[in-house]
Amino acid sequence: MHMALSIGIVGLPNVGKSTLFNALTKKSVLVANYPFATIDPSVGVVAVPDPRREKLAALSQSEKDIPAAVEFVDIAGLVKGASEGEGLGNQFLSHIRQVDAIAHVVRIFENPNVANTQERIDPLADIELIHTELALADIDNKDTTRMLANKPVLYVLNKESGGHNLDETPSDERWRRLMEFLDEKTPQGVALRKWIIVDAHVESELRELHTDDKQQFRQEYGVFEDGVNGLIRAGYELLGLISFFTTGKDETRAWTIVRGSTAPKAGAAIHSDFETKFIRAEVINWQKLLDAGSFAKARELGQIRTEGKEYVVQDGDVIEFLHG
């Protein structure tokens, strides 16, 4: 059973979607400074960065180290009137219907050289415009399971180093209104929205460089966080996914499951027999295994637990399945 859950990158034209997609996938899609350069949604399968997996692979001296993956889809720029078919709108909306979550790229940089379809840079107005288009598209949609407005959203605020960015002038009312919206909480204090800041252009340039040059480049541009890795991880969480590991001499692998999955369900990610003929699972937390230094030592210390079919797999479990 393969978990192919996808995140659609959406936004108005020229906000940096394709640049971000390039940074995510290193796969060149057409990045041109005019609307509708990407009519066919480009799909990129992206490795989920996970230092836990790397440490396990080193411990087991695995020949292969296989990451979990998540799929990003570059969806062409949505314009006002998309729900009426404006700017190939219907096609875009049907592409958005296919994805499981939305990474909504919002431009927070001012740069007269990069065309902007709206009168001025106003991130919250852009967000509202797209919300409206998605809600309008839902009105005509008979299939209630695929409502656009219900999809989980990650807001990706795209800045441009060297230019003027709204986050650098917190007193700007456009930034203030945006933050009020993004930081809104429920009465219980739970954040209603997920958001992240990236510099798509810098990240895209960085993907071309060797590791040694990257640090220097980041210092020059003052962009220290790896925005792309942050985005991939945030997307994975947005989809409600977690990873468990299998590790040995042949390979260490991160397997993707939905949070809350029981052991047999998790086993199905590897092979359907693990679900249908499940007997038990031997489980240890990844850090405990590292601390013990080997499976044999962990077993000796009594740290490997035997779990039955009711067990809910936790993020970071290392599991061996026993099946009939």
Protein backbone atom coordinates (compact mmCIF):
# COMPACT_ATOMS: atom_id res chain seq x y z
CA MET A 1 0.00 0.00 0.00
CA HIS A 2 1.62 3.24 -1.15
CA MET A 3 0.71 6.48 0.56
CA ALA A 4 0.72 9.00 -2.26
CA LEU A 5 -0.65 12.06 -0.60
CA SER A 6 -0.12 15.27 -2.46
CA ILE A 7 0.12 18.97 -1.71
CA GLY A 8 -0.89 21.44 -4.40
CA ILE A 9 1.11 24.65 -4.59
CA VAL A 10 -1.41 27.39 -5.36
CA GLY A 11 -1.44 31.16 -5.46
CA LEU A 12 -1.91 34.12 -7.77
CA PRO A 13 0.35 34.44 -10.84
CA ASN A 14 3.93 35.63 -10.19
CA VAL A 15 4.03 35.04 -6.45
CA GLY A 16 6.90 32.52 -6.76
CA LYS A 17 5.08 29.17 -7.00
CA SER A 18 7.20 27.63 -9.74
CA THR A 19 10.41 28.98 -8.21
CA LEU A 20 9.41 27.28 -4.96
CA PHE A 21 8.52 24.09 -6.83
CA ASN A 22 11.98 24.16 -8.46
CA ALA A 23 13.59 24.51 -5.06
CA LEU A 24 11.52 21.60 -3.75
CA THR A 25 12.18 19.19 -6.55
CA LYS A 26 15.33 20.36 -8.34
CA LYS A 27 13.21 19.40 -11.34
CA SER A 28 13.13 22.24 -13.83
CA VAL A 29 9.63 23.35 -14.58
CA LEU A 30 9.10 26.38 -16.75
CA VAL A 31 9.56 29.48 -14.63
CA ALA A 32 8.56 32.48 -16.68
CA ASN A 33 7.48 35.88 -15.57
CA TYR A 34 4.00 35.75 -17.06
CA PRO A 35 0.71 34.10 -16.03
CA PHE A 36 -0.12 30.58 -17.25
CA ALA A 37 3.43 29.34 -17.86
CA THR A 38 2.45 26.09 -16.14
CA ILE A 39 -0.73 24.71 -17.66
CA ASP A 40 -0.03 21.05 -16.95
CA PRO A 41 0.46 20.59 -13.26
CA SER A 42 4.00 19.41 -12.71
CA VAL A 43 4.36 16.75 -10.07
CA GLY A 44 7.44 16.34 -7.93
CA VAL A 45 8.02 13.57 -5.43
CA VAL A 46 10.08 15.04 -2.62
CA ALA A 47 12.09 13.29 0.11
CA VAL A 48 11.04 14.15 3.66
CA PRO A 49 14.17 15.27 5.54
CA ASP A 50 14.58 13.23 8.73
CA PRO A 51 17.79 13.16 10.78
CA ARG A 52 16.38 10.25 12.86
CA ARG A 53 16.44 8.01 9.79
CA GLU A 54 20.00 9.06 8.92
CA LYS A 55 21.19 8.18 12.43
CA LEU A 56 19.50 4.77 12.28
CA ALA A 57 21.08 4.07 8.88
CA ALA A 58 24.50 4.91 10.33
CA LEU A 59 23.85 2.65 13.35
CA SER A 60 22.84 -0.31 11.15
CA GLN A 61 25.49 0.52 8.53
CA SER A 62 22.69 0.10 6.02
CA GLU A 63 23.51 -0.18 2.34
CA LYS A 64 20.42 1.84 1.47
CA ASP A 65 18.78 4.77 3.25
CA ILE A 66 15.28 5.37 1.92
CA PRO A 67 13.35 8.47 3.00
CA ALA A 68 9.61 8.97 3.27
CA ALA A 69 8.27 11.02 0.39
CA VAL A 70 5.54 13.53 -0.20
CA GLU A 71 4.20 14.74 -3.52
CA PHE A 72 4.07 18.42 -4.49
CA VAL A 73 2.05 19.57 -7.48
CA ASP A 74 2.75 22.90 -9.13
CA ILE A 75 -0.68 24.28 -10.07
CA ALA A 76 -0.80 27.26 -12.45
CA GLY A 77 -1.70 30.70 -11.08
CA LEU A 78 -5.27 31.20 -10.05
CA VAL A 79 -6.79 34.54 -11.06
CA LYS A 80 -9.88 36.44 -10.00
CA GLY A 81 -12.87 34.95 -11.81
CA ALA A 82 -11.30 31.47 -11.95
CA SER A 83 -14.56 29.90 -10.81
CA GLU A 84 -16.13 31.47 -13.94
CA GLY A 85 -13.43 29.93 -16.13
CA GLU A 86 -11.29 33.10 -16.26
CA GLY A 87 -7.65 32.40 -17.22
CA LEU A 88 -8.21 28.65 -17.75
CA GLY A 89 -9.74 28.70 -14.28
CA ASN A 90 -11.84 25.55 -14.46
CA GLN A 91 -8.82 23.47 -15.32
CA PHE A 92 -6.87 24.84 -12.36
CA LEU A 93 -9.73 24.23 -9.99
CA SER A 94 -10.05 20.61 -11.08
CA HIS A 95 -6.30 20.17 -10.47
CA ILE A 96 -6.71 21.58 -6.96
CA ARG A 97 -9.54 19.10 -6.35
CA GLN A 98 -7.13 16.21 -6.92
CA VAL A 99 -4.70 17.17 -4.14
CA ASP A 100 -5.05 16.39 -0.42
CA ALA A 101 -3.79 19.70 0.95
CA ILE A 102 -2.87 23.15 -0.27
CA ALA A 103 0.37 25.12 0.09
CA HIS A 104 -0.87 28.63 -0.57
CA VAL A 105 2.03 30.82 -1.71
CA VAL A 106 1.53 34.47 -0.80
CA ARG A 107 3.87 37.18 -2.01
CA ILE A 108 5.19 39.50 0.71
CA PHE A 109 7.89 41.22 -1.39
CA GLU A 110 7.67 44.39 -3.43
CA ASN A 111 9.62 44.25 -6.68
CA PRO A 112 8.57 46.40 -9.65
CA ASN A 113 10.38 43.99 -12.02
CA VAL A 114 8.13 41.07 -11.13
CA ALA A 115 4.68 41.60 -12.58
CA ASN A 116 1.82 41.54 -10.10
CA THR A 117 -1.75 40.83 -11.20
CA GLN A 118 -3.24 42.90 -8.34
CA GLU A 119 -2.98 46.70 -7.93
CA ARG A 120 -0.55 46.45 -5.04
CA ILE A 121 1.08 43.89 -2.81
CA ASP A 122 -1.48 43.03 -0.13
CA PRO A 123 -1.08 39.45 1.14
CA LEU A 124 -4.35 39.26 3.06
CA ALA A 125 -6.33 40.56 0.07
CA ASP A 126 -4.64 37.88 -2.08
CA ILE A 127 -5.57 35.18 0.43
CA GLU A 128 -9.18 36.38 0.52
CA LEU A 129 -9.36 36.46 -3.28
CA ILE A 130 -8.28 32.82 -3.54
CA HIS A 131 -10.56 31.79 -0.65
CA THR A 132 -13.47 33.40 -2.50
CA GLU A 133 -12.64 31.63 -5.77
CA LEU A 134 -12.42 28.25 -4.00
CA ALA A 135 -15.68 28.86 -2.14
CA LEU A 136 -17.44 29.90 -5.38
CA ALA A 137 -16.15 26.78 -7.12
CA ASP A 138 -17.59 24.67 -4.28
CA ILE A 139 -21.11 26.05 -4.80
CA ASP A 140 -21.43 24.23 -8.14
CA ASN A 141 -19.70 21.11 -6.90
CA LYS A 142 -22.01 18.14 -6.27
CA ASP A 143 -19.27 15.96 -4.76
CA THR A 144 -19.17 17.09 -1.12
CA THR A 145 -16.17 14.86 -0.32
CA ARG A 146 -13.96 17.01 -2.52
CA MET A 147 -14.78 20.48 -1.26
CA LEU A 148 -11.93 22.89 -1.93
CA ALA A 149 -12.64 25.12 1.05
CA ASN A 150 -12.24 22.16 3.46
CA LYS A 151 -8.73 21.17 2.41
CA PRO A 152 -6.01 21.80 4.98
CA VAL A 153 -3.90 24.84 4.06
CA LEU A 154 -0.32 25.84 4.77
CA TYR A 155 0.33 29.52 4.04
CA VAL A 156 3.78 30.02 2.52
CA LEU A 157 4.88 33.65 2.78
CA ASN A 158 7.39 34.23 0.02
CA LYS A 159 9.96 36.97 0.52
CA GLU A 160 12.83 38.14 -1.69
CA SER A 161 16.21 38.91 -0.19
CA GLY A 162 17.59 42.27 -1.26
CA GLY A 163 14.11 43.58 -1.97
CA HIS A 164 11.60 45.20 0.34
CA ASN A 165 9.65 42.61 2.33
CA LEU A 166 6.60 43.34 4.43
CA ASP A 167 7.88 41.30 7.39
CA GLU A 168 10.79 43.77 7.70
CA THR A 169 8.38 46.61 8.51
CA PRO A 170 6.06 45.12 11.16
CA SER A 171 4.29 48.48 11.53
CA ASP A 172 3.01 48.21 7.93
CA GLU A 173 -0.75 47.74 8.23
CA ARG A 174 -0.72 45.13 5.44
CA TRP A 175 1.67 43.00 7.53
CA ARG A 176 -0.31 43.67 10.71
CA ARG A 177 -3.59 42.53 9.14
CA LEU A 178 -1.91 39.46 7.68
CA MET A 179 -0.52 38.48 11.09
CA GLU A 180 -3.88 39.01 12.79
CA PHE A 181 -5.39 36.55 10.32
CA LEU A 182 -2.56 33.98 10.49
CA ASP A 183 -2.18 34.02 14.26
CA GLU A 184 -5.89 33.75 15.06
CA LYS A 185 -6.61 31.16 17.76
CA THR A 186 -9.62 29.23 18.99
CA PRO A 187 -11.05 30.17 22.42
CA GLN A 188 -8.95 27.25 23.77
CA GLY A 189 -5.80 28.89 22.39
CA VAL A 190 -5.22 26.46 19.51
CA ALA A 191 -3.75 28.05 16.38
CA LEU A 192 -6.26 27.98 13.52
CA ARG A 193 -3.73 28.35 10.72
CA LYS A 194 -0.30 27.04 9.80
CA TRP A 195 2.19 29.32 8.08
CA ILE A 196 5.87 29.53 7.22
CA ILE A 197 8.17 32.17 5.65
CA VAL A 198 10.49 31.17 2.78
CA ASP A 199 12.66 32.90 0.22
CA ALA A 200 11.83 30.78 -2.82
CA HIS A 201 14.44 32.42 -5.03
CA VAL A 202 17.33 31.90 -2.60
CA GLU A 203 16.21 28.31 -1.91
CA SER A 204 16.01 27.60 -5.63
CA GLU A 205 19.57 28.93 -6.15
CA LEU A 206 20.80 26.93 -3.18
CA ARG A 207 19.60 23.66 -4.65
CA GLU A 208 22.29 24.00 -7.33
CA LEU A 209 25.16 24.39 -4.85
CA HIS A 210 27.38 21.90 -3.06
CA THR A 211 26.88 21.58 0.69
CA ASP A 212 30.04 23.54 1.56
CA ASP A 213 29.01 26.52 -0.52
CA LYS A 214 25.50 26.54 0.90
CA GLN A 215 26.44 27.80 4.37
CA GLN A 216 28.45 30.65 2.91
CA PHE A 217 25.64 31.55 0.52
CA ARG A 218 23.11 31.52 3.37
CA GLN A 219 25.33 33.83 5.40
CA GLU A 220 25.67 36.27 2.51
CA TYR A 221 21.91 36.40 2.04
CA GLY A 222 21.05 36.24 5.73
CA VAL A 223 18.76 33.22 5.17
CA PHE A 224 19.82 30.70 7.81
CA GLU A 225 16.88 28.35 8.05
CA ASP A 226 16.50 25.74 5.33
CA GLY A 227 13.11 27.00 4.19
CA VAL A 228 12.49 24.09 1.84
CA ASN A 229 13.06 21.44 4.50
CA GLY A 230 10.79 23.40 6.82
CA LEU A 231 8.13 23.51 4.13
CA ILE A 232 8.35 19.77 3.39
CA ARG A 233 8.07 18.89 7.08
CA ALA A 234 5.17 21.31 7.61
CA GLY A 235 3.41 19.80 4.58
CA TYR A 236 3.89 16.28 5.92
CA GLU A 237 2.35 17.33 9.26
CA LEU A 238 -0.45 19.18 7.51
CA LEU A 239 -1.44 15.91 5.81
CA GLY A 240 -1.56 14.27 9.25
CA LEU A 241 1.33 11.93 8.43
CA ILE A 242 4.01 10.39 10.63
CA SER A 243 6.95 8.05 9.96
CA PHE A 244 7.99 4.76 11.48
CA PHE A 245 11.24 3.00 10.63
CA THR A 246 12.59 -0.38 9.69
CA THR A 247 16.35 -0.73 9.90
CA GLY A 248 18.96 -3.37 9.14
CA LYS A 249 22.09 -4.09 7.12
CA ASP A 250 20.24 -4.00 3.77
CA GLU A 251 18.30 -0.82 4.30
CA THR A 252 16.93 1.72 6.71
CA ARG A 253 13.61 3.07 5.61
CA ALA A 254 11.05 5.63 6.75
CA TRP A 255 7.48 4.49 6.09
CA THR A 256 4.61 6.93 5.84
CA ILE A 257 1.37 6.34 7.72
CA VAL A 258 -1.56 8.43 8.87
CA ARG A 259 -1.28 9.54 12.50
CA GLY A 260 -3.38 7.22 14.68
CA SER A 261 -2.78 4.06 12.59
CA THR A 262 -2.70 0.73 14.42
CA ALA A 263 0.21 -1.70 14.00
CA PRO A 264 -1.49 -3.90 11.33
CA LYS A 265 -2.45 -0.78 9.31
CA ALA A 266 1.15 0.43 9.57
CA GLY A 267 2.38 -2.98 8.47
CA ALA A 268 0.28 -2.68 5.32
CA ALA A 269 2.56 0.20 4.24
CA ILE A 270 5.26 -2.46 3.81
CA HIS A 271 3.20 -5.39 2.54
CA SER A 272 -0.48 -6.35 2.63
CA ASP A 273 0.41 -9.66 4.37
CA PHE A 274 1.63 -7.66 7.37
CA GLU A 275 -1.93 -6.45 7.85
CA THR A 276 -3.95 -9.54 6.95
CA LYS A 277 -1.66 -12.07 8.68
CA PHE A 278 -0.44 -9.83 11.50
CA ILE A 279 0.68 -11.70 14.63
CA ARG A 280 2.59 -9.09 16.63
CA ALA A 281 5.03 -6.23 16.33
CA GLU A 282 8.32 -5.68 18.14
CA VAL A 283 8.69 -1.99 18.82
CA ILE A 284 11.33 0.37 20.16
CA ASN A 285 11.59 4.16 20.00
CA TRP A 286 14.35 5.26 17.58
CA GLN A 287 16.27 7.20 20.25
CA LYS A 288 16.23 4.25 22.67
CA LEU A 289 17.64 2.02 19.94
CA LEU A 290 20.41 4.53 19.24
CA ASP A 291 21.21 4.80 22.94
CA ALA A 292 21.34 1.00 23.29
CA GLY A 293 23.65 0.76 20.28
CA SER A 294 22.11 -2.38 18.75
CA PHE A 295 18.94 -4.50 18.69
CA ALA A 296 20.73 -7.21 20.68
CA LYS A 297 21.67 -4.75 23.42
CA ALA A 298 18.19 -3.19 23.46
CA ARG A 299 16.66 -6.66 23.81
CA GLU A 300 19.05 -7.47 26.67
CA LEU A 301 17.98 -4.22 28.40
CA GLY A 302 14.33 -5.21 27.94
CA GLN A 303 13.59 -2.12 25.84
CA ILE A 304 11.95 -3.87 22.92
CA ARG A 305 8.21 -4.10 23.49
CA THR A 306 5.88 -6.68 22.02
CA GLU A 307 2.68 -5.04 20.78
CA GLY A 308 -0.56 -6.52 19.49
CA LYS A 309 -3.01 -5.41 16.84
CA GLU A 310 -4.57 -2.63 18.95
CA TYR A 311 -1.25 -0.78 19.31
CA VAL A 312 -1.28 2.75 17.85
CA VAL A 313 2.04 3.40 16.13
CA GLN A 314 3.95 6.48 17.31
CA ASP A 315 6.06 8.81 15.22
CA GLY A 316 9.65 7.54 15.39
CA ASP A 317 8.89 3.90 16.29
CA VAL A 318 11.30 1.31 14.92
CA ILE A 319 9.24 -1.82 14.18
CA GLU A 320 9.74 -5.45 13.24
CA PHE A 321 6.54 -7.18 12.14
CA LEU A 322 5.82 -10.83 12.70
CA HIS A 323 3.16 -12.30 10.46
CA GLY A 324 1.75 -15.72 9.62
